[in-house]
């Protein structure tokens, strides 16, 4: 199985420490869910999950949630995304787990589809989080020389603008991905959220955790003043 026991323990520790209600995982490399696999992350029997299998040893998405705190109404998925419609405190939220292809053509298809979904499902607030595999500007990439794709950066920025979602700024660390040799680094992971969530929840930023066994750092969706409310976490497992 792609997600080994060490990575499971690492993700489980993040969930326990943060008291997360939802957990988004990208690039699981899992083709089939085994019985009880979801509960290996959470010390609870009341865990729900939605799953999009990998293609061979590439990709794969899983969204987990605590059924004691979150009611998931429905799920939907497609190439590069796994969405859940959530009812929480009498409000509706669409939470979309993202793992984008490296190919610009595929990214453009994903961005177009996400905008179409927003227009179709407009009865709730939106949260998109995960590995977008894209940067908005050259400041989000550091290290050895890589020729920036200005067209891609412009298109990604346009997608964010058209979504009318807020690209929540990072508090503290600004980089979420490191190459194996540590010589290249980028901010490939981010959360985009509805402006009403920012104002109603008092969101002031998102946090990028410390790098450990993975090339992506765990990222907390929201920091709300001095406390975390209904924290939604993502941890890449590639």
C-alpha atoms as a PDB file:
ATOM      1  CA  UNK A   1       0.000   0.000   0.000  1.00  0.00           C
ATOM      2  CA  UNK A   2       1.286   3.432  -0.954  1.00  0.00           C
ATOM      3  CA  UNK A   3       0.696   5.084   2.402  1.00  0.00           C
ATOM      4  CA  UNK A   4       3.077   3.245   4.689  1.00  0.00           C
ATOM      5  CA  UNK A   5       2.737   2.855   8.443  1.00  0.00           C
ATOM      6  CA  UNK A   6       5.221   5.643   9.186  1.00  0.00           C
ATOM      7  CA  UNK A   7       3.229   8.153   7.151  1.00  0.00           C
ATOM      8  CA  UNK A   8      -0.017   6.975   8.724  1.00  0.00           C
ATOM      9  CA  UNK A   9       1.421   7.499  12.205  1.00  0.00           C
ATOM     10  CA  UNK A  10       2.623  10.928  11.186  1.00  0.00           C
ATOM     11  CA  UNK A  11      -0.791  11.950   9.858  1.00  0.00           C
ATOM     12  CA  UNK A  12      -2.534  10.404  12.857  1.00  0.00           C
ATOM     13  CA  UNK A  13      -0.367  12.495  15.172  1.00  0.00           C
ATOM     14  CA  UNK A  14      -1.320  15.673  13.280  1.00  0.00           C
ATOM     15  CA  UNK A  15      -5.037  14.840  13.565  1.00  0.00           C
ATOM     16  CA  UNK A  16      -4.753  14.107  17.278  1.00  0.00           C
ATOM     17  CA  UNK A  17      -2.749  17.243  18.055  1.00  0.00           C
ATOM     18  CA  UNK A  18      -4.996  19.574  16.068  1.00  0.00           C
ATOM     19  CA  UNK A  19      -8.305  17.920  16.990  1.00  0.00           C
ATOM     20  CA  UNK A  20      -9.188  18.152  13.315  1.00  0.00           C
ATOM     21  CA  UNK A  21     -12.738  17.583  12.108  1.00  0.00           C
ATOM     22  CA  UNK A  22     -11.675  16.926   8.510  1.00  0.00           C
ATOM     23  CA  UNK A  23      -8.441  15.713   6.966  1.00  0.00           C
ATOM     24  CA  UNK A  24      -7.501  15.980   3.295  1.00  0.00           C
ATOM     25  CA  UNK A  25      -4.843  13.698   1.849  1.00  0.00           C
ATOM     26  CA  UNK A  26      -3.297  13.909  -1.612  1.00  0.00           C
ATOM     27  CA  UNK A  27      -1.266  11.492  -3.727  1.00  0.00           C
ATOM     28  CA  UNK A  28      -2.142   8.458  -1.630  1.00  0.00           C
ATOM     29  CA  UNK A  29      -0.973   6.012  -4.322  1.00  0.00           C
ATOM     30  CA  UNK A  30      -3.815   3.747  -3.150  1.00  0.00           C
ATOM     31  CA  UNK A  31      -5.876   1.873  -5.728  1.00  0.00           C
ATOM     32  CA  UNK A  32      -8.323   0.243  -3.288  1.00  0.00           C
ATOM     33  CA  UNK A  33      -9.419   1.032   0.247  1.00  0.00           C
ATOM     34  CA  UNK A  34      -8.980  -1.837   2.665  1.00  0.00           C
ATOM     35  CA  UNK A  35     -11.440  -2.509   5.492  1.00  0.00           C
ATOM     36  CA  UNK A  36     -10.576  -0.435   8.554  1.00  0.00           C
ATOM     37  CA  UNK A  37      -7.893   1.553   6.734  1.00  0.00           C
ATOM     38  CA  UNK A  38      -9.576   4.899   7.448  1.00  0.00           C
ATOM     39  CA  UNK A  39      -9.680   4.206  11.193  1.00  0.00           C
ATOM     40  CA  UNK A  40      -5.917   3.710  11.291  1.00  0.00           C
ATOM     41  CA  UNK A  41      -5.651   7.507  11.157  1.00  0.00           C
ATOM     42  CA  UNK A  42      -8.192   8.327  13.839  1.00  0.00           C
ATOM     43  CA  UNK A  43      -8.654   6.932  17.308  1.00  0.00           C
ATOM     44  CA  UNK A  44     -12.393   6.716  16.763  1.00  0.00           C
ATOM     45  CA  UNK A  45     -14.944   4.391  15.212  1.00  0.00           C
ATOM     46  CA  UNK A  46     -17.074   7.260  13.923  1.00  0.00           C
ATOM     47  CA  UNK A  47     -14.991   8.112  10.875  1.00  0.00           C
ATOM     48  CA  UNK A  48     -16.404   8.755   7.421  1.00  0.00           C
ATOM     49  CA  UNK A  49     -14.396   8.959   4.242  1.00  0.00           C
ATOM     50  CA  UNK A  50     -14.582   9.688   0.534  1.00  0.00           C
ATOM     51  CA  UNK A  51     -12.037   8.153  -1.792  1.00  0.00           C
ATOM     52  CA  UNK A  52     -10.668   8.665  -5.298  1.00  0.00           C
ATOM     53  CA  UNK A  53      -8.284   5.899  -6.317  1.00  0.00           C
ATOM     54  CA  UNK A  54      -4.844   6.424  -7.815  1.00  0.00           C
ATOM     55  CA  UNK A  55      -3.901   5.518 -11.359  1.00  0.00           C
ATOM     56  CA  UNK A  56      -1.203   2.928 -10.805  1.00  0.00           C
ATOM     57  CA  UNK A  57       1.371   4.489  -8.475  1.00  0.00           C
ATOM     58  CA  UNK A  58       0.314   8.053  -9.173  1.00  0.00           C
ATOM     59  CA  UNK A  59      -2.300  10.272  -7.558  1.00  0.00           C
ATOM     60  CA  UNK A  60      -5.167   9.301  -5.300  1.00  0.00           C
ATOM     61  CA  UNK A  61      -7.236  11.423  -2.900  1.00  0.00           C
ATOM     62  CA  UNK A  62      -8.878  10.714   0.452  1.00  0.00           C
ATOM     63  CA  UNK A  63     -11.035  13.001   2.578  1.00  0.00           C
ATOM     64  CA  UNK A  64     -11.694  11.850   6.149  1.00  0.00           C
ATOM     65  CA  UNK A  65     -14.069  13.370   8.677  1.00  0.00           C
ATOM     66  CA  UNK A  66     -15.246  12.908  12.240  1.00  0.00           C
ATOM     67  CA  UNK A  67     -18.920  11.918  11.966  1.00  0.00           C
ATOM     68  CA  UNK A  68     -19.558  13.182  15.496  1.00  0.00           C
ATOM     69  CA  UNK A  69     -18.869  16.737  14.338  1.00  0.00           C
ATOM     70  CA  UNK A  70     -19.390  16.786  10.574  1.00  0.00           C
ATOM     71  CA  UNK A  71     -22.370  15.701   8.496  1.00  0.00           C
ATOM     72  CA  UNK A  72     -21.434  15.005   4.884  1.00  0.00           C
ATOM     73  CA  UNK A  73     -24.457  15.288   2.605  1.00  0.00           C
ATOM     74  CA  UNK A  74     -22.839  14.037  -0.615  1.00  0.00           C
ATOM     75  CA  UNK A  75     -19.550  13.567  -2.437  1.00  0.00           C
ATOM     76  CA  UNK A  76     -18.423  14.220  -6.001  1.00  0.00           C
ATOM     77  CA  UNK A  77     -15.154  13.672  -7.811  1.00  0.00           C
ATOM     78  CA  UNK A  78     -13.300  14.029 -11.088  1.00  0.00           C
ATOM     79  CA  UNK A  79      -9.807  14.242 -12.509  1.00  0.00           C
ATOM     80  CA  UNK A  80      -7.729  16.070  -9.885  1.00  0.00           C
ATOM     81  CA  UNK A  81     -10.431  16.749  -7.298  1.00  0.00           C
ATOM     82  CA  UNK A  82     -12.572  15.081  -4.624  1.00  0.00           C
ATOM     83  CA  UNK A  83     -15.429  17.156  -3.227  1.00  0.00           C
ATOM     84  CA  UNK A  84     -17.751  16.832  -0.248  1.00  0.00           C
ATOM     85  CA  UNK A  85     -20.899  18.766   0.550  1.00  0.00           C
ATOM     86  CA  UNK A  86     -20.866  19.328   4.307  1.00  0.00           C
ATOM     87  CA  UNK A  87     -23.490  20.575   6.731  1.00  0.00           C
ATOM     88  CA  UNK A  88     -21.937  22.164   9.806  1.00  0.00           C
ATOM     89  CA  UNK A  89     -23.700  24.366  12.350  1.00  0.00           C
ATOM     90  CA  UNK A  90     -26.736  24.788  10.082  1.00  0.00           C
ATOM     91  CA  UNK A  91     -24.620  25.983   7.157  1.00  0.00           C
ATOM     92  CA  UNK A  92     -23.581  24.286   3.910  1.00  0.00           C
ATOM     93  CA  UNK A  93     -19.959  24.075   2.787  1.00  0.00           C
ATOM     94  CA  UNK A  94     -18.380  22.547  -0.294  1.00  0.00           C
ATOM     95  CA  UNK A  95     -14.922  21.268   0.614  1.00  0.00           C
ATOM     96  CA  UNK A  96     -12.781  20.180  -2.335  1.00  0.00           C
ATOM     97  CA  UNK A  97      -9.593  18.140  -1.957  1.00  0.00           C
ATOM     98  CA  UNK A  98      -7.174  19.030  -4.793  1.00  0.00           C
ATOM     99  CA  UNK A  99      -4.300  17.148  -6.402  1.00  0.00           C
ATOM    100  CA  UNK A 100      -3.425  18.695  -9.750  1.00  0.00           C
ATOM    101  CA  UNK A 101      -1.480  17.232 -12.628  1.00  0.00           C
ATOM    102  CA  UNK A 102       1.893  18.738 -13.541  1.00  0.00           C
ATOM    103  CA  UNK A 103       0.703  19.272 -17.129  1.00  0.00           C
ATOM    104  CA  UNK A 104      -0.623  22.743 -17.915  1.00  0.00           C
ATOM    105  CA  UNK A 105      -3.322  21.315 -20.191  1.00  0.00           C
ATOM    106  CA  UNK A 106      -4.628  19.208 -17.290  1.00  0.00           C
ATOM    107  CA  UNK A 107      -4.417  22.132 -14.883  1.00  0.00           C
ATOM    108  CA  UNK A 108      -6.503  24.271 -17.219  1.00  0.00           C
ATOM    109  CA  UNK A 109      -9.115  21.504 -17.435  1.00  0.00           C
ATOM    110  CA  UNK A 110      -9.185  21.240 -13.630  1.00  0.00           C
ATOM    111  CA  UNK A 111      -9.547  24.987 -13.109  1.00  0.00           C
ATOM    112  CA  UNK A 112     -12.351  25.144 -15.675  1.00  0.00           C
ATOM    113  CA  UNK A 113     -14.183  22.248 -14.017  1.00  0.00           C
ATOM    114  CA  UNK A 114     -13.868  23.754 -10.542  1.00  0.00           C
ATOM    115  CA  UNK A 115     -15.395  27.012 -11.748  1.00  0.00           C
ATOM    116  CA  UNK A 116     -18.248  25.074 -13.389  1.00  0.00           C
ATOM    117  CA  UNK A 117     -18.882  23.210 -10.132  1.00  0.00           C
ATOM    118  CA  UNK A 118     -18.994  26.484  -8.219  1.00  0.00           C
ATOM    119  CA  UNK A 119     -21.635  27.798 -10.595  1.00  0.00           C
ATOM    120  CA  UNK A 120     -23.650  24.579 -10.312  1.00  0.00           C
ATOM    121  CA  UNK A 121     -23.449  24.148  -6.536  1.00  0.00           C
ATOM    122  CA  UNK A 122     -24.102  27.657  -5.281  1.00  0.00           C
ATOM    123  CA  UNK A 123     -26.117  26.925  -2.142  1.00  0.00           C
ATOM    124  CA  UNK A 124     -23.117  26.980   0.192  1.00  0.00           C
ATOM    125  CA  UNK A 125     -19.673  28.394   0.901  1.00  0.00           C
ATOM    126  CA  UNK A 126     -16.586  26.960  -0.797  1.00  0.00           C
ATOM    127  CA  UNK A 127     -13.233  25.720   0.447  1.00  0.00           C
ATOM    128  CA  UNK A 128     -10.616  24.322  -1.959  1.00  0.00           C
ATOM    129  CA  UNK A 129      -7.425  22.923  -0.508  1.00  0.00           C
ATOM    130  CA  UNK A 130      -4.501  20.766  -1.481  1.00  0.00           C
ATOM    131  CA  UNK A 131      -1.724  20.528  -4.033  1.00  0.00           C
ATOM    132  CA  UNK A 132      -2.520  22.833  -6.950  1.00  0.00           C
ATOM    133  CA  UNK A 133       0.916  22.175  -8.472  1.00  0.00           C
ATOM    134  CA  UNK A 134       1.079  25.820  -9.531  1.00  0.00           C
ATOM    135  CA  UNK A 135       2.366  29.131  -8.261  1.00  0.00           C
ATOM    136  CA  UNK A 136       0.942  32.631  -8.693  1.00  0.00           C
ATOM    137  CA  UNK A 137       4.239  34.470  -9.052  1.00  0.00           C
ATOM    138  CA  UNK A 138       8.005  33.918  -9.054  1.00  0.00           C
ATOM    139  CA  UNK A 139       8.219  34.829  -5.346  1.00  0.00           C
ATOM    140  CA  UNK A 140       6.524  31.516  -4.547  1.00  0.00           C
ATOM    141  CA  UNK A 141       9.476  29.565  -5.948  1.00  0.00           C
ATOM    142  CA  UNK A 142      13.043  29.559  -4.620  1.00  0.00           C
ATOM    143  CA  UNK A 143      16.282  27.672  -5.114  1.00  0.00           C
ATOM    144  CA  UNK A 144      18.139  26.578  -8.199  1.00  0.00           C
ATOM    145  CA  UNK A 145      17.271  28.258 -11.444  1.00  0.00           C
ATOM    146  CA  UNK A 146      13.989  27.145 -12.976  1.00  0.00           C
ATOM    147  CA  UNK A 147      12.572  29.085 -15.911  1.00  0.00           C
ATOM    148  CA  UNK A 148       9.221  30.425 -14.666  1.00  0.00           C
ATOM    149  CA  UNK A 149       6.153  29.717 -16.757  1.00  0.00           C
ATOM    150  CA  UNK A 150       4.608  33.180 -16.826  1.00  0.00           C
ATOM    151  CA  UNK A 151       1.609  31.985 -18.835  1.00  0.00           C
ATOM    152  CA  UNK A 152       0.797  29.345 -16.227  1.00  0.00           C
ATOM    153  CA  UNK A 153       1.191  31.815 -13.356  1.00  0.00           C
ATOM    154  CA  UNK A 154      -1.130  34.279 -15.066  1.00  0.00           C
ATOM    155  CA  UNK A 155      -3.734  31.592 -15.774  1.00  0.00           C
ATOM    156  CA  UNK A 156      -3.597  30.317 -12.200  1.00  0.00           C
ATOM    157  CA  UNK A 157      -4.019  33.842 -10.832  1.00  0.00           C
ATOM    158  CA  UNK A 158      -6.945  34.369 -13.203  1.00  0.00           C
ATOM    159  CA  UNK A 159      -8.562  31.150 -11.970  1.00  0.00           C
ATOM    160  CA  UNK A 160      -8.308  32.326  -8.357  1.00  0.00           C
ATOM    161  CA  UNK A 161      -9.798  35.712  -9.296  1.00  0.00           C
ATOM    162  CA  UNK A 162     -12.654  34.105 -11.241  1.00  0.00           C
ATOM    163  CA  UNK A 163     -13.432  31.763  -8.346  1.00  0.00           C
ATOM    164  CA  UNK A 164     -13.973  34.811  -6.080  1.00  0.00           C
ATOM    165  CA  UNK A 165     -12.261  32.805  -3.335  1.00  0.00           C
ATOM    166  CA  UNK A 166      -9.689  34.234  -0.962  1.00  0.00           C
ATOM    167  CA  UNK A 167      -6.143  32.903  -1.238  1.00  0.00           C
ATOM    168  CA  UNK A 168      -5.580  32.899   2.523  1.00  0.00           C
ATOM    169  CA  UNK A 169      -2.099  34.314   3.250  1.00  0.00           C
ATOM    170  CA  UNK A 170       0.477  32.201   5.053  1.00  0.00           C
ATOM    171  CA  UNK A 171       1.487  33.122   8.584  1.00  0.00           C
ATOM    172  CA  UNK A 172       5.122  32.227   9.209  1.00  0.00           C
ATOM    173  CA  UNK A 173       6.546  29.791   6.658  1.00  0.00           C
ATOM    174  CA  UNK A 174       5.816  30.585   2.988  1.00  0.00           C
ATOM    175  CA  UNK A 175       7.039  27.374   1.306  1.00  0.00           C
ATOM    176  CA  UNK A 176       5.178  24.043   1.312  1.00  0.00           C
ATOM    177  CA  UNK A 177       7.186  21.814  -1.077  1.00  0.00           C
ATOM    178  CA  UNK A 178      10.875  20.881  -1.219  1.00  0.00           C
ATOM    179  CA  UNK A 179      12.777  18.834  -3.767  1.00  0.00           C
ATOM    180  CA  UNK A 180      14.563  15.714  -2.544  1.00  0.00           C
ATOM    181  CA  UNK A 181      17.928  17.473  -2.425  1.00  0.00           C
ATOM    182  CA  UNK A 182      16.415  20.564  -0.820  1.00  0.00           C
ATOM    183  CA  UNK A 183      17.732  22.850  -3.572  1.00  0.00           C
ATOM    184  CA  UNK A 184      14.335  23.745  -5.013  1.00  0.00           C
ATOM    185  CA  UNK A 185      11.239  24.820  -3.127  1.00  0.00           C
ATOM    186  CA  UNK A 186       7.801  26.194  -3.954  1.00  0.00           C
ATOM    187  CA  UNK A 187       4.423  27.018  -2.509  1.00  0.00           C
ATOM    188  CA  UNK A 188       2.370  24.412  -4.352  1.00  0.00           C
ATOM    189  CA  UNK A 189      -0.189  23.865  -1.580  1.00  0.00           C
ATOM    190  CA  UNK A 190      -2.816  26.362  -0.522  1.00  0.00           C
ATOM    191  CA  UNK A 191      -6.392  26.864   0.665  1.00  0.00           C
ATOM    192  CA  UNK A 192      -8.878  29.029  -1.209  1.00  0.00           C
ATOM    193  CA  UNK A 193     -11.980  29.958   0.793  1.00  0.00           C
ATOM    194  CA  UNK A 194     -15.150  32.012   0.455  1.00  0.00           C
ATOM    195  CA  UNK A 195     -14.812  35.595   1.637  1.00  0.00           C
ATOM    196  CA  UNK A 196     -17.755  35.136   4.012  1.00  0.00           C
ATOM    197  CA  UNK A 197     -15.829  32.375   5.805  1.00  0.00           C
ATOM    198  CA  UNK A 198     -12.896  34.745   6.216  1.00  0.00           C
ATOM    199  CA  UNK A 199     -15.103  37.422   7.738  1.00  0.00           C
ATOM    200  CA  UNK A 200     -17.512  35.248   9.722  1.00  0.00           C
ATOM    201  CA  UNK A 201     -14.838  32.969  11.193  1.00  0.00           C
ATOM    202  CA  UNK A 202     -12.277  35.725  11.669  1.00  0.00           C
ATOM    203  CA  UNK A 203      -9.667  33.983   9.532  1.00  0.00           C
ATOM    204  CA  UNK A 204      -6.268  35.682   9.690  1.00  0.00           C
ATOM    205  CA  UNK A 205      -4.102  33.166   7.838  1.00  0.00           C
ATOM    206  CA  UNK A 206      -3.068  29.590   7.212  1.00  0.00           C
ATOM    207  CA  UNK A 207      -0.102  27.772   8.708  1.00  0.00           C
ATOM    208  CA  UNK A 208       2.491  25.607   6.991  1.00  0.00           C
ATOM    209  CA  UNK A 209       3.969  23.003   9.321  1.00  0.00           C
ATOM    210  CA  UNK A 210       7.524  21.728   9.591  1.00  0.00           C
ATOM    211  CA  UNK A 211       8.936  19.459   6.909  1.00  0.00           C
ATOM    212  CA  UNK A 212       9.693  15.920   8.062  1.00  0.00           C
ATOM    213  CA  UNK A 213       9.499  12.616   6.141  1.00  0.00           C
ATOM    214  CA  UNK A 214       7.627  14.046   3.146  1.00  0.00           C
ATOM    215  CA  UNK A 215       8.487  16.547   0.434  1.00  0.00           C
ATOM    216  CA  UNK A 216       5.314  18.502   1.247  1.00  0.00           C
ATOM    217  CA  UNK A 217       4.693  20.148   4.613  1.00  0.00           C
ATOM    218  CA  UNK A 218       1.396  19.711   6.476  1.00  0.00           C
ATOM    219  CA  UNK A 219      -0.808  22.765   6.183  1.00  0.00           C
ATOM    220  CA  UNK A 220      -3.507  24.028   8.533  1.00  0.00           C
ATOM    221  CA  UNK A 221      -6.337  25.654   6.663  1.00  0.00           C
ATOM    222  CA  UNK A 222      -7.189  28.435   9.035  1.00  0.00           C
ATOM    223  CA  UNK A 223      -5.852  30.282  12.017  1.00  0.00           C
ATOM    224  CA  UNK A 224      -8.672  32.223  13.638  1.00  0.00           C
ATOM    225  CA  UNK A 225      -7.288  34.985  15.842  1.00  0.00           C
ATOM    226  CA  UNK A 226      -5.695  33.062  18.719  1.00  0.00           C
ATOM    227  CA  UNK A 227      -7.741  29.871  18.476  1.00  0.00           C
ATOM    228  CA  UNK A 228      -8.429  27.372  15.737  1.00  0.00           C
ATOM    229  CA  UNK A 229     -12.081  26.781  14.830  1.00  0.00           C
ATOM    230  CA  UNK A 230     -13.237  23.704  12.911  1.00  0.00           C
ATOM    231  CA  UNK A 231      -9.718  23.234  11.669  1.00  0.00           C
ATOM    232  CA  UNK A 232      -9.434  21.508   8.327  1.00  0.00           C
ATOM    233  CA  UNK A 233      -6.051  19.982   7.693  1.00  0.00           C
ATOM    234  CA  UNK A 234      -4.335  18.551   4.700  1.00  0.00           C
ATOM    235  CA  UNK A 235      -1.205  16.435   4.653  1.00  0.00           C
ATOM    236  CA  UNK A 236       0.358  15.337   1.393  1.00  0.00           C
ATOM    237  CA  UNK A 237       1.555  11.752   1.440  1.00  0.00           C
ATOM    238  CA  UNK A 238       3.762  11.560  -1.641  1.00  0.00           C
END
